[in-house]
Amino acid sequence: MNAVTRAVRESLAQAPVSLREIARRAGISHVLLARIVAGERNATAVVADAVTTALEAIAAESAKAAARVRRSLTTHGRKAP
């Protein structure tokens, strides 16, 4: 297993969303991602880039949502941690 495949596998395992959601956002087959996770296929640079872009978008959306919740706490008289 090469370093790119290892990095993709670890990232997919720690992702806060499903493999299908990452595949949908990356524009690639969820079956391909499942095979990479299972060790049956290696990740190409194209797949790694698509997964990276999808995970970055998910992270940005999550950060915005968390900030929205935090702002609501401070605007309603509660001190944010």
Protein backbone atom coordinates (compact mmCIF):
# COMPACT_ATOMS: atom_id res chain seq x y z
CA MET A 1 0.00 0.00 0.00
CA ASN A 2 1.41 3.36 -0.97
CA ALA A 3 1.40 6.53 1.14
CA VAL A 4 -1.45 8.14 -0.83
CA THR A 5 -3.68 5.11 -0.36
CA ARG A 6 -2.85 4.96 3.34
CA ALA A 7 -3.69 8.65 3.79
CA VAL A 8 -6.99 8.29 1.91
CA ARG A 9 -7.96 5.21 3.93
CA GLU A 10 -7.20 6.94 7.25
CA SER A 11 -9.08 10.07 6.21
CA LEU A 12 -12.14 8.10 5.14
CA ALA A 13 -12.12 6.14 8.41
CA GLN A 14 -12.13 9.36 10.45
CA ALA A 15 -14.60 11.31 8.34
CA PRO A 16 -17.71 12.63 10.11
CA VAL A 17 -19.98 11.57 7.24
CA SER A 18 -20.66 8.36 5.35
CA LEU A 19 -18.52 6.93 2.58
CA ARG A 20 -21.44 7.41 0.21
CA GLU A 21 -21.65 11.10 1.08
CA ILE A 22 -17.94 11.60 0.48
CA ALA A 23 -18.18 9.72 -2.82
CA ARG A 24 -21.17 11.80 -3.90
CA ARG A 25 -19.39 15.05 -3.14
CA ALA A 26 -16.16 13.81 -4.72
CA GLY A 27 -17.98 12.69 -7.87
CA ILE A 28 -16.63 9.16 -7.66
CA SER A 29 -18.10 5.75 -7.02
CA HIS A 30 -18.75 4.72 -3.42
CA VAL A 31 -17.78 1.20 -4.49
CA LEU A 32 -14.33 2.46 -5.45
CA LEU A 33 -13.93 4.11 -2.05
CA ALA A 34 -15.12 0.95 -0.31
CA ARG A 35 -12.52 -1.08 -2.20
CA ILE A 36 -9.80 1.39 -1.23
CA VAL A 37 -10.86 1.15 2.42
CA ALA A 38 -10.90 -2.66 2.18
CA GLY A 39 -7.39 -2.67 0.74
CA GLU A 40 -8.53 -4.09 -2.60
CA ARG A 41 -7.54 -1.01 -4.62
CA ASN A 42 -4.96 1.74 -4.39
CA ALA A 43 -5.98 5.38 -4.46
CA THR A 44 -4.83 7.37 -7.47
CA ALA A 45 -3.81 11.01 -7.26
CA VAL A 46 -7.11 11.93 -8.95
CA VAL A 47 -9.14 10.03 -6.35
CA ALA A 48 -7.06 11.44 -3.49
CA ASP A 49 -7.58 14.98 -4.79
CA ALA A 50 -11.34 14.47 -5.16
CA VAL A 51 -11.61 13.02 -1.63
CA THR A 52 -9.54 15.91 -0.26
CA THR A 53 -11.77 18.49 -1.91
CA ALA A 54 -14.90 16.77 -0.59
CA LEU A 55 -13.53 16.53 2.96
CA GLU A 56 -12.44 20.18 2.91
CA ALA A 57 -15.95 21.23 1.86
CA ILE A 58 -17.48 19.12 4.63
CA ALA A 59 -15.07 20.63 7.18
CA ALA A 60 -15.91 24.17 6.06
CA GLU A 61 -19.64 23.51 6.33
CA SER A 62 -19.19 21.99 9.78
CA ALA A 63 -17.12 24.96 10.96
CA LYS A 64 -19.78 27.40 9.74
CA ALA A 65 -22.51 25.44 11.50
CA ALA A 66 -20.53 25.33 14.75
CA ALA A 67 -19.88 29.07 14.56
CA ARG A 68 -23.60 29.69 14.07
CA VAL A 69 -24.41 27.71 17.22
CA ARG A 70 -21.65 29.47 19.17
CA ARG A 71 -22.99 32.89 18.09
CA SER A 72 -26.47 31.91 19.19
CA LEU A 73 -25.14 31.11 22.65
CA THR A 74 -23.45 34.48 23.04
CA THR A 75 -26.42 36.45 21.65
CA HIS A 76 -28.81 34.81 24.11
CA GLY A 77 -26.96 35.88 27.23
CA ARG A 78 -24.88 32.77 27.65
CA LYS A 79 -21.16 32.86 27.65
CA ALA A 80 -19.63 30.61 25.01
CA PRO A 81 -16.97 28.25 26.34
